[in-house]
Amino acid sequence: MTANKRYYRDVKKLFPVYLKKEKLYLNQLKEQIDEYEDTSYEELVDIFGNPIDIVKAFVNEISKFDCDFDLVSGRYVIDAKSIMGIFSLDLSKPIDLNIHADGAALDSVMEIIDKYTVE
């Protein structure tokens, strides 16, 4: 497996939520990664960032809100504000995000997490 494919796979499996915008983001990222054909994995990390940083950014973004967030995978429910909790899930399987907010708070949350979701 090439470094490009391995890097893309690592980024994709770390995304906690999948909706349309994230799918678009991942496709665009894949196109950009593919432009670096003969590049090592380490060089890709230097260019695009560490895949784990994506999860950290997600947790940092949702931690700004007072409401609760749950990630649900099968029968497991974990606090979405917990990096350790996120990494305890099988990130290669579908994960649902439950947001315990409504009204303006929910609208604000949706604006922030929109970039992390993939349908």
N, C-alpha and C. Protein backbone atom coordinates (compact mmCIF):
# COMPACT_ATOMS: atom_id res chain seq x y z
N MET A 1 0.85 -1.17 0.00
CA MET A 1 0.00 0.00 0.00
C MET A 1 0.90 1.24 0.00
N THR A 2 0.56 2.19 -0.85
CA THR A 2 1.37 3.41 -0.93
C THR A 2 1.15 4.29 0.31
N ALA A 3 2.08 5.18 0.53
CA ALA A 3 1.97 6.11 1.66
C ALA A 3 0.71 6.96 1.52
N ASN A 4 0.37 7.35 0.29
CA ASN A 4 -0.82 8.17 0.05
C ASN A 4 -2.08 7.44 0.51
N LYS A 5 -2.21 6.19 0.11
CA LYS A 5 -3.40 5.41 0.47
C LYS A 5 -3.46 5.17 1.97
N ARG A 6 -2.31 4.88 2.57
CA ARG A 6 -2.26 4.62 4.01
C ARG A 6 -2.64 5.88 4.79
N TYR A 7 -2.12 7.02 4.37
CA TYR A 7 -2.44 8.28 5.05
C TYR A 7 -3.93 8.58 4.93
N TYR A 8 -4.47 8.46 3.73
CA TYR A 8 -5.90 8.72 3.52
C TYR A 8 -6.75 7.77 4.36
N ARG A 9 -6.39 6.50 4.38
CA ARG A 9 -7.13 5.51 5.17
C ARG A 9 -7.11 5.90 6.65
N ASP A 10 -5.94 6.32 7.15
CA ASP A 10 -5.82 6.70 8.56
C ASP A 10 -6.68 7.92 8.88
N VAL A 11 -6.71 8.90 7.99
CA VAL A 11 -7.54 10.08 8.21
C VAL A 11 -9.01 9.68 8.20
N LYS A 12 -9.41 8.92 7.22
CA LYS A 12 -10.82 8.55 7.06
C LYS A 12 -11.34 7.74 8.24
N LYS A 13 -10.54 6.80 8.74
CA LYS A 13 -11.06 5.97 9.83
C LYS A 13 -11.08 6.70 11.17
N LEU A 14 -10.41 7.85 11.26
CA LEU A 14 -10.43 8.63 12.50
C LEU A 14 -11.59 9.61 12.58
N PHE A 15 -12.27 9.85 11.46
CA PHE A 15 -13.40 10.76 11.49
C PHE A 15 -14.51 10.15 12.33
N PRO A 16 -14.94 10.84 13.39
CA PRO A 16 -15.96 10.25 14.25
C PRO A 16 -17.37 10.27 13.68
N VAL A 17 -17.67 11.15 12.75
CA VAL A 17 -19.02 11.29 12.23
C VAL A 17 -18.93 11.46 10.71
N TYR A 18 -19.87 10.88 9.96
CA TYR A 18 -19.84 10.95 8.51
C TYR A 18 -21.12 11.52 7.94
N LEU A 19 -21.05 12.70 7.33
CA LEU A 19 -22.17 13.30 6.61
C LEU A 19 -21.66 13.82 5.26
N LYS A 20 -22.51 14.52 4.54
CA LYS A 20 -22.19 14.94 3.18
C LYS A 20 -20.94 15.83 3.09
N LYS A 21 -20.83 16.82 3.96
CA LYS A 21 -19.69 17.74 3.87
C LYS A 21 -18.37 17.04 4.17
N GLU A 22 -18.39 16.09 5.09
CA GLU A 22 -17.16 15.36 5.41
C GLU A 22 -16.76 14.46 4.26
N LYS A 23 -17.76 13.87 3.61
CA LYS A 23 -17.46 13.04 2.45
C LYS A 23 -16.82 13.89 1.36
N LEU A 24 -17.35 15.09 1.16
CA LEU A 24 -16.77 16.02 0.20
C LEU A 24 -15.35 16.41 0.61
N TYR A 25 -15.18 16.72 1.91
CA TYR A 25 -13.85 17.07 2.42
C TYR A 25 -12.87 15.93 2.19
N LEU A 26 -13.28 14.70 2.52
CA LEU A 26 -12.39 13.56 2.35
C LEU A 26 -12.04 13.33 0.89
N ASN A 27 -13.02 13.51 0.00
CA ASN A 27 -12.73 13.35 -1.44
C ASN A 27 -11.75 14.40 -1.93
N GLN A 28 -11.92 15.63 -1.46
CA GLN A 28 -10.99 16.69 -1.85
C GLN A 28 -9.60 16.43 -1.27
N LEU A 29 -9.55 15.96 -0.03
CA LEU A 29 -8.28 15.63 0.59
C LEU A 29 -7.59 14.51 -0.19
N LYS A 30 -8.36 13.50 -0.58
CA LYS A 30 -7.79 12.39 -1.35
C LYS A 30 -7.19 12.89 -2.65
N GLU A 31 -7.89 13.78 -3.34
CA GLU A 31 -7.36 14.35 -4.58
C GLU A 31 -6.06 15.09 -4.33
N GLN A 32 -6.01 15.86 -3.24
CA GLN A 32 -4.79 16.59 -2.92
C GLN A 32 -3.65 15.64 -2.55
N ILE A 33 -3.97 14.62 -1.78
CA ILE A 33 -2.95 13.64 -1.39
C ILE A 33 -2.41 12.93 -2.62
N ASP A 34 -3.29 12.59 -3.55
CA ASP A 34 -2.88 11.87 -4.76
C ASP A 34 -1.90 12.68 -5.62
N GLU A 35 -1.89 14.00 -5.44
CA GLU A 35 -0.93 14.83 -6.18
C GLU A 35 0.50 14.61 -5.69
N TYR A 36 0.65 14.05 -4.49
CA TYR A 36 1.96 13.79 -3.91
C TYR A 36 2.28 12.30 -4.04
N GLU A 37 2.39 11.85 -5.28
CA GLU A 37 2.55 10.45 -5.62
C GLU A 37 3.73 9.76 -4.94
N ASP A 38 4.89 10.34 -5.02
CA ASP A 38 6.11 9.71 -4.51
C ASP A 38 6.54 10.32 -3.19
N THR A 39 5.59 10.56 -2.32
CA THR A 39 5.86 11.21 -1.04
C THR A 39 5.73 10.19 0.08
N SER A 40 6.59 10.28 1.07
CA SER A 40 6.52 9.36 2.21
C SER A 40 5.37 9.74 3.13
N TYR A 41 5.00 8.82 4.00
CA TYR A 41 3.93 9.06 4.97
C TYR A 41 4.29 10.26 5.85
N GLU A 42 5.53 10.32 6.29
CA GLU A 42 5.99 11.41 7.16
C GLU A 42 5.88 12.76 6.46
N GLU A 43 6.20 12.78 5.18
CA GLU A 43 6.08 14.03 4.42
C GLU A 43 4.62 14.44 4.28
N LEU A 44 3.73 13.47 4.12
CA LEU A 44 2.30 13.78 4.04
C LEU A 44 1.80 14.35 5.37
N VAL A 45 2.29 13.83 6.47
CA VAL A 45 1.93 14.36 7.79
C VAL A 45 2.42 15.80 7.91
N ASP A 46 3.63 16.07 7.42
CA ASP A 46 4.16 17.44 7.45
C ASP A 46 3.29 18.39 6.62
N ILE A 47 2.81 17.91 5.49
CA ILE A 47 2.02 18.74 4.57
C ILE A 47 0.59 18.92 5.07
N PHE A 48 -0.08 17.83 5.44
CA PHE A 48 -1.51 17.86 5.76
C PHE A 48 -1.82 17.79 7.25
N GLY A 49 -0.87 17.39 8.05
CA GLY A 49 -1.10 17.26 9.49
C GLY A 49 -1.29 15.82 9.90
N ASN A 50 -1.16 15.58 11.18
CA ASN A 50 -1.31 14.25 11.75
C ASN A 50 -2.79 13.87 11.78
N PRO A 51 -3.14 12.65 11.32
CA PRO A 51 -4.55 12.25 11.33
C PRO A 51 -5.21 12.35 12.71
N ILE A 52 -4.47 12.12 13.75
CA ILE A 52 -5.04 12.18 15.10
C ILE A 52 -5.44 13.61 15.46
N ASP A 53 -4.79 14.59 14.85
CA ASP A 53 -5.14 15.99 15.12
C ASP A 53 -6.58 16.31 14.72
N ILE A 54 -7.11 15.56 13.78
CA ILE A 54 -8.50 15.76 13.36
C ILE A 54 -9.44 15.46 14.53
N VAL A 55 -9.18 14.36 15.22
CA VAL A 55 -10.02 14.00 16.37
C VAL A 55 -9.84 15.02 17.48
N LYS A 56 -8.63 15.46 17.72
CA LYS A 56 -8.38 16.47 18.75
C LYS A 56 -9.14 17.76 18.42
N ALA A 57 -9.12 18.15 17.16
CA ALA A 57 -9.83 19.37 16.75
C ALA A 57 -11.33 19.22 16.98
N PHE A 58 -11.88 18.04 16.66
CA PHE A 58 -13.30 17.77 16.87
C PHE A 58 -13.64 17.91 18.36
N VAL A 59 -12.85 17.28 19.22
CA VAL A 59 -13.11 17.33 20.66
C VAL A 59 -12.98 18.77 21.17
N ASN A 60 -11.97 19.48 20.71
CA ASN A 60 -11.80 20.88 21.14
C ASN A 60 -12.99 21.74 20.73
N GLU A 61 -13.49 21.53 19.54
CA GLU A 61 -14.63 22.31 19.05
C GLU A 61 -15.89 22.05 19.88
N ILE A 62 -16.22 20.79 20.12
CA ILE A 62 -17.47 20.51 20.84
C ILE A 62 -17.34 20.78 22.34
N SER A 63 -16.11 20.80 22.85
CA SER A 63 -15.92 21.08 24.28
C SER A 63 -16.25 22.53 24.62
N LYS A 64 -16.36 23.38 23.63
CA LYS A 64 -16.70 24.78 23.85
C LYS A 64 -18.17 24.97 24.25
N PHE A 65 -18.98 23.93 24.03
CA PHE A 65 -20.41 24.01 24.31
C PHE A 65 -20.74 23.39 25.66
N ASP A 66 -21.78 23.95 26.33
CA ASP A 66 -22.21 23.44 27.63
C ASP A 66 -23.06 22.18 27.52
N CYS A 67 -23.60 21.90 26.35
CA CYS A 67 -24.48 20.74 26.21
C CYS A 67 -23.66 19.45 26.11
N ASP A 68 -24.37 18.33 26.25
CA ASP A 68 -23.74 17.02 26.20
C ASP A 68 -23.77 16.45 24.78
N PHE A 69 -22.76 15.66 24.46
CA PHE A 69 -22.64 14.99 23.18
C PHE A 69 -22.31 13.53 23.44
N ASP A 70 -23.01 12.63 22.78
CA ASP A 70 -22.72 11.20 22.90
C ASP A 70 -22.39 10.65 21.52
N LEU A 71 -21.37 9.80 21.45
CA LEU A 71 -21.10 9.03 20.24
C LEU A 71 -21.61 7.62 20.49
N VAL A 72 -22.39 7.10 19.53
CA VAL A 72 -23.01 5.79 19.69
C VAL A 72 -22.54 4.89 18.56
N SER A 73 -21.96 3.77 18.96
CA SER A 73 -21.51 2.75 18.00
C SER A 73 -22.01 1.41 18.50
N GLY A 74 -23.02 0.87 17.81
CA GLY A 74 -23.62 -0.38 18.27
C GLY A 74 -24.25 -0.18 19.63
N ARG A 75 -23.83 -0.96 20.61
CA ARG A 75 -24.39 -0.84 21.96
C ARG A 75 -23.54 0.05 22.86
N TYR A 76 -22.48 0.62 22.32
CA TYR A 76 -21.59 1.48 23.10
C TYR A 76 -21.97 2.95 22.95
N VAL A 77 -22.01 3.64 24.08
CA VAL A 77 -22.28 5.08 24.10
C VAL A 77 -21.16 5.72 24.91
N ILE A 78 -20.46 6.68 24.31
CA ILE A 78 -19.37 7.34 25.02
C ILE A 78 -19.54 8.85 24.93
N ASP A 79 -18.90 9.54 25.83
CA ASP A 79 -18.90 11.01 25.84
C ASP A 79 -18.06 11.50 24.66
N ALA A 80 -18.66 12.24 23.76
CA ALA A 80 -17.95 12.71 22.57
C ALA A 80 -16.88 13.75 22.91
N LYS A 81 -16.89 14.26 24.13
CA LYS A 81 -15.87 15.22 24.54
C LYS A 81 -14.63 14.53 25.09
N SER A 82 -14.62 13.21 25.06
CA SER A 82 -13.52 12.42 25.59
C SER A 82 -12.68 11.83 24.46
N ILE A 83 -11.45 12.30 24.34
CA ILE A 83 -10.55 11.75 23.31
C ILE A 83 -10.35 10.26 23.55
N MET A 84 -10.13 9.88 24.80
CA MET A 84 -9.92 8.46 25.12
C MET A 84 -11.17 7.66 24.77
N GLY A 85 -12.34 8.23 25.02
CA GLY A 85 -13.58 7.55 24.68
C GLY A 85 -13.71 7.33 23.18
N ILE A 86 -13.37 8.35 22.40
CA ILE A 86 -13.45 8.24 20.95
C ILE A 86 -12.52 7.13 20.45
N PHE A 87 -11.30 7.10 20.98
CA PHE A 87 -10.35 6.08 20.53
C PHE A 87 -10.68 4.69 21.05
N SER A 88 -11.62 4.59 21.98
CA SER A 88 -12.04 3.27 22.45
C SER A 88 -13.04 2.64 21.49
N LEU A 89 -13.61 3.44 20.60
CA LEU A 89 -14.58 2.94 19.62
C LEU A 89 -13.86 2.38 18.40
N ASP A 90 -14.55 1.52 17.68
CA ASP A 90 -14.05 1.03 16.40
C ASP A 90 -14.41 2.10 15.37
N LEU A 91 -13.45 2.95 15.04
CA LEU A 91 -13.72 4.09 14.17
C LEU A 91 -13.89 3.71 12.70
N SER A 92 -13.73 2.44 12.40
CA SER A 92 -13.96 2.00 11.02
C SER A 92 -15.44 1.67 10.79
N LYS A 93 -16.23 1.66 11.87
CA LYS A 93 -17.67 1.37 11.77
C LYS A 93 -18.46 2.66 11.91
N PRO A 94 -19.71 2.67 11.43
CA PRO A 94 -20.54 3.88 11.55
C PRO A 94 -20.73 4.30 13.00
N ILE A 95 -20.69 5.60 13.22
CA ILE A 95 -20.88 6.16 14.56
C ILE A 95 -21.90 7.28 14.45
N ASP A 96 -22.86 7.28 15.36
CA ASP A 96 -23.86 8.35 15.41
C ASP A 96 -23.49 9.33 16.52
N LEU A 97 -23.76 10.60 16.27
CA LEU A 97 -23.54 11.64 17.27
C LEU A 97 -24.89 12.12 17.76
N ASN A 98 -25.12 11.99 19.06
CA ASN A 98 -26.34 12.52 19.68
C ASN A 98 -25.99 13.82 20.37
N ILE A 99 -26.70 14.88 20.02
CA ILE A 99 -26.45 16.21 20.59
C ILE A 99 -27.63 16.54 21.49
N HIS A 100 -27.33 16.85 22.74
CA HIS A 100 -28.37 17.16 23.71
C HIS A 100 -28.49 18.68 23.84
N ALA A 101 -29.08 19.28 22.80
CA ALA A 101 -29.27 20.73 22.75
C ALA A 101 -30.46 21.01 21.85
N ASP A 102 -30.98 22.23 21.92
CA ASP A 102 -32.07 22.61 21.03
C ASP A 102 -31.98 24.11 20.74
N GLY A 103 -32.80 24.55 19.82
CA GLY A 103 -32.88 25.97 19.47
C GLY A 103 -31.58 26.54 18.94
N ALA A 104 -31.24 27.73 19.41
CA ALA A 104 -30.05 28.44 18.94
C ALA A 104 -28.78 27.68 19.28
N ALA A 105 -28.77 27.01 20.43
CA ALA A 105 -27.59 26.23 20.83
C ALA A 105 -27.32 25.12 19.82
N LEU A 106 -28.39 24.44 19.39
CA LEU A 106 -28.25 23.37 18.41
C LEU A 106 -27.75 23.92 17.08
N ASP A 107 -28.28 25.06 16.66
CA ASP A 107 -27.83 25.67 15.40
C ASP A 107 -26.34 25.99 15.46
N SER A 108 -25.87 26.51 16.57
CA SER A 108 -24.45 26.83 16.74
C SER A 108 -23.60 25.58 16.68
N VAL A 109 -24.07 24.54 17.35
CA VAL A 109 -23.34 23.27 17.35
C VAL A 109 -23.25 22.71 15.93
N MET A 110 -24.36 22.74 15.22
CA MET A 110 -24.38 22.17 13.86
C MET A 110 -23.42 22.90 12.94
N GLU A 111 -23.30 24.20 13.09
CA GLU A 111 -22.35 24.96 12.27
C GLU A 111 -20.92 24.48 12.51
N ILE A 112 -20.58 24.22 13.75
CA ILE A 112 -19.23 23.82 14.11
C ILE A 112 -18.93 22.40 13.68
N ILE A 113 -19.84 21.46 13.98
CA ILE A 113 -19.53 20.06 13.71
C ILE A 113 -19.79 19.65 12.27
N ASP A 114 -20.38 20.52 11.50
CA ASP A 114 -20.72 20.21 10.11
C ASP A 114 -19.51 19.70 9.34
N LYS A 115 -18.33 20.27 9.58
CA LYS A 115 -17.14 19.86 8.84
C LYS A 115 -16.60 18.51 9.26
N TYR A 116 -17.09 17.96 10.37
CA TYR A 116 -16.61 16.67 10.84
C TYR A 116 -17.54 15.53 10.51
N THR A 117 -18.66 15.82 9.87
CA THR A 117 -19.65 14.78 9.62
C THR A 117 -19.58 14.29 8.19
N VAL A 118 -19.89 13.00 8.02
CA VAL A 118 -19.88 12.38 6.69
C VAL A 118 -21.13 11.52 6.59
N GLU A 119 -21.87 11.65 5.49
CA GLU A 119 -23.07 10.83 5.31
C GLU A 119 -22.71 9.49 4.74
